[in-house]
N, C-alpha and C. Protein backbone atom coordinates (compact mmCIF):
# COMPACT_ATOMS: atom_id res chain seq x y z
N MET A 1 116.04 118.76 102.86
CA MET A 1 114.73 119.32 102.53
C MET A 1 114.44 119.18 101.03
N GLU A 2 115.43 119.40 100.19
CA GLU A 2 115.26 119.30 98.75
C GLU A 2 114.84 117.88 98.33
N ARG A 3 115.45 116.88 98.96
CA ARG A 3 115.13 115.50 98.61
C ARG A 3 113.66 115.18 98.90
N MET A 4 113.16 115.68 100.03
CA MET A 4 111.76 115.44 100.38
C MET A 4 110.84 116.10 99.36
N ALA A 5 111.19 117.28 98.90
CA ALA A 5 110.37 117.97 97.90
C ALA A 5 110.36 117.19 96.60
N LEU A 6 111.50 116.64 96.20
CA LEU A 6 111.57 115.84 94.98
C LEU A 6 110.74 114.56 95.12
N GLU A 7 110.80 113.94 96.28
CA GLU A 7 110.00 112.73 96.52
C GLU A 7 108.51 113.07 96.45
N GLU A 8 108.11 114.18 97.04
CA GLU A 8 106.71 114.63 97.00
C GLU A 8 106.27 114.85 95.55
N GLU A 9 107.12 115.49 94.75
CA GLU A 9 106.80 115.71 93.34
C GLU A 9 106.65 114.38 92.61
N PHE A 10 107.54 113.44 92.88
CA PHE A 10 107.49 112.13 92.24
C PHE A 10 106.19 111.41 92.59
N ILE A 11 105.83 111.43 93.86
CA ILE A 11 104.58 110.79 94.31
C ILE A 11 103.38 111.47 93.67
N ALA A 12 103.38 112.79 93.64
CA ALA A 12 102.26 113.53 93.04
C ALA A 12 102.13 113.20 91.56
N GLU A 13 103.26 113.13 90.86
CA GLU A 13 103.22 112.81 89.43
C GLU A 13 102.69 111.40 89.21
N ASP A 14 103.12 110.44 90.02
CA ASP A 14 102.60 109.06 89.92
C ASP A 14 101.10 109.03 90.15
N GLN A 15 100.61 109.80 91.12
CA GLN A 15 99.18 109.84 91.40
C GLN A 15 98.41 110.41 90.21
N LEU A 16 98.96 111.45 89.58
CA LEU A 16 98.30 112.03 88.41
C LEU A 16 98.23 111.03 87.26
N ILE A 17 99.31 110.30 87.04
CA ILE A 17 99.33 109.30 85.97
C ILE A 17 98.29 108.22 86.23
N GLU A 18 98.24 107.72 87.45
CA GLU A 18 97.26 106.68 87.80
C GLU A 18 95.83 107.21 87.70
N ALA A 19 95.61 108.43 88.16
CA ALA A 19 94.28 109.03 88.08
C ALA A 19 93.83 109.18 86.63
N MET A 20 94.74 109.58 85.75
CA MET A 20 94.38 109.75 84.35
C MET A 20 94.03 108.40 83.71
N ARG A 21 94.77 107.35 84.08
CA ARG A 21 94.42 106.01 83.58
C ARG A 21 93.01 105.62 84.01
N MET A 22 92.70 105.88 85.27
CA MET A 22 91.38 105.52 85.80
C MET A 22 90.28 106.35 85.12
N VAL A 23 90.53 107.64 84.93
CA VAL A 23 89.54 108.50 84.27
C VAL A 23 89.31 108.03 82.84
N ASN A 24 90.39 107.77 82.11
CA ASN A 24 90.24 107.32 80.72
C ASN A 24 89.48 106.00 80.64
N GLU A 25 89.75 105.09 81.56
CA GLU A 25 89.03 103.81 81.59
C GLU A 25 87.54 104.04 81.86
N ALA A 26 87.22 104.92 82.79
CA ALA A 26 85.82 105.22 83.11
C ALA A 26 85.11 105.87 81.93
N VAL A 27 85.77 106.77 81.23
CA VAL A 27 85.17 107.43 80.07
C VAL A 27 84.93 106.41 78.96
N ARG A 28 85.91 105.52 78.71
CA ARG A 28 85.71 104.47 77.69
C ARG A 28 84.53 103.58 78.04
N ARG A 29 84.45 103.21 79.32
CA ARG A 29 83.35 102.33 79.76
C ARG A 29 82.00 103.03 79.58
N ALA A 30 81.93 104.28 79.98
CA ALA A 30 80.68 105.04 79.82
C ALA A 30 80.31 105.15 78.36
N HIS A 31 81.30 105.42 77.51
CA HIS A 31 81.05 105.55 76.07
C HIS A 31 80.51 104.24 75.49
N LYS A 32 81.08 103.11 75.91
CA LYS A 32 80.62 101.81 75.41
C LYS A 32 79.17 101.53 75.79
N THR A 33 78.72 102.07 76.93
CA THR A 33 77.34 101.83 77.36
C THR A 33 76.36 102.79 76.70
N GLY A 34 76.88 103.75 75.92
CA GLY A 34 76.00 104.67 75.24
C GLY A 34 75.86 106.03 75.90
N LEU A 35 76.52 106.22 77.03
CA LEU A 35 76.46 107.53 77.69
C LEU A 35 77.28 108.55 76.90
N ASP A 36 76.75 109.74 76.82
CA ASP A 36 77.51 110.85 76.25
C ASP A 36 78.26 111.52 77.40
N VAL A 37 79.56 111.61 77.28
CA VAL A 37 80.38 112.18 78.34
C VAL A 37 80.96 113.50 77.87
N ARG A 38 80.86 114.51 78.70
CA ARG A 38 81.45 115.82 78.41
C ARG A 38 82.40 116.16 79.54
N ALA A 39 83.56 116.68 79.19
CA ALA A 39 84.54 117.09 80.20
C ALA A 39 84.78 118.58 80.05
N ASP A 40 84.76 119.28 81.16
CA ASP A 40 85.06 120.71 81.19
C ASP A 40 86.29 120.92 82.06
N ILE A 41 87.19 121.77 81.59
CA ILE A 41 88.35 122.14 82.38
C ILE A 41 88.11 123.53 82.94
N ILE A 42 88.16 123.62 84.24
CA ILE A 42 87.94 124.89 84.94
C ILE A 42 89.26 125.26 85.61
N THR A 43 89.68 126.49 85.46
CA THR A 43 90.92 126.92 86.09
C THR A 43 90.61 127.72 87.34
N GLY A 44 91.04 127.18 88.46
CA GLY A 44 90.94 127.89 89.72
C GLY A 44 92.32 128.41 90.08
N TYR A 45 92.41 129.14 91.14
CA TYR A 45 93.71 129.68 91.56
C TYR A 45 93.96 129.33 93.01
N LEU A 46 95.15 128.84 93.27
CA LEU A 46 95.57 128.50 94.61
C LEU A 46 96.93 129.16 94.82
N ASP A 47 97.02 129.98 95.82
CA ASP A 47 98.26 130.74 96.08
C ASP A 47 98.69 131.52 94.84
N ALA A 48 97.72 132.12 94.16
CA ALA A 48 97.95 132.95 92.97
C ALA A 48 98.52 132.17 91.78
N ARG A 49 98.45 130.85 91.84
CA ARG A 49 98.90 130.03 90.71
C ARG A 49 97.70 129.30 90.13
N PRO A 50 97.63 129.19 88.80
CA PRO A 50 96.49 128.48 88.19
C PRO A 50 96.51 126.99 88.56
N MET A 51 95.31 126.49 88.85
CA MET A 51 95.17 125.08 89.19
C MET A 51 93.96 124.52 88.43
N PRO A 52 94.22 123.72 87.38
CA PRO A 52 93.10 123.19 86.60
C PRO A 52 92.30 122.14 87.38
N GLN A 53 91.00 122.16 87.16
CA GLN A 53 90.11 121.15 87.72
C GLN A 53 89.26 120.63 86.56
N ILE A 54 88.99 119.34 86.58
CA ILE A 54 88.22 118.72 85.50
C ILE A 54 86.87 118.28 86.04
N THR A 55 85.82 118.65 85.34
CA THR A 55 84.46 118.24 85.69
C THR A 55 83.91 117.40 84.55
N PHE A 56 83.28 116.29 84.88
CA PHE A 56 82.69 115.41 83.86
C PHE A 56 81.17 115.47 83.97
N TRP A 57 80.53 115.43 82.82
CA TRP A 57 79.07 115.42 82.73
C TRP A 57 78.65 114.23 81.89
N THR A 58 77.58 113.58 82.31
CA THR A 58 76.94 112.58 81.46
C THR A 58 75.64 113.22 80.99
N THR A 59 75.59 113.58 79.74
CA THR A 59 74.46 114.34 79.23
C THR A 59 73.17 113.54 79.15
N ASN A 60 73.27 112.21 79.11
CA ASN A 60 72.08 111.39 79.05
C ASN A 60 71.20 111.58 80.29
N ARG A 61 71.82 111.78 81.43
CA ARG A 61 71.07 111.94 82.68
C ARG A 61 71.15 113.35 83.23
N GLU A 62 71.86 114.20 82.49
CA GLU A 62 72.08 115.57 82.95
C GLU A 62 72.60 115.57 84.38
N ARG A 63 73.57 114.75 84.60
CA ARG A 63 74.13 114.55 85.93
C ARG A 63 75.60 114.92 85.92
N ARG A 64 76.01 115.64 86.91
CA ARG A 64 77.40 116.05 87.01
C ARG A 64 78.18 115.02 87.83
N ALA A 65 79.37 114.72 87.33
CA ALA A 65 80.22 113.75 88.06
C ALA A 65 81.50 114.43 88.47
């Protein structure tokens, strides 16, 4: 059981790393086109543990992403 939990953690960590690369690439691309990008970190709670969520805004269109 412990090995499966470690594998799950490893997979989850890899997904976070890849997601951050993709987010950073998207923000750079938006910035190059002239869009103003704002990121907000919102902390929610799941099973009484804090769980951060990131929301992105492009202020040029007042659109939430």
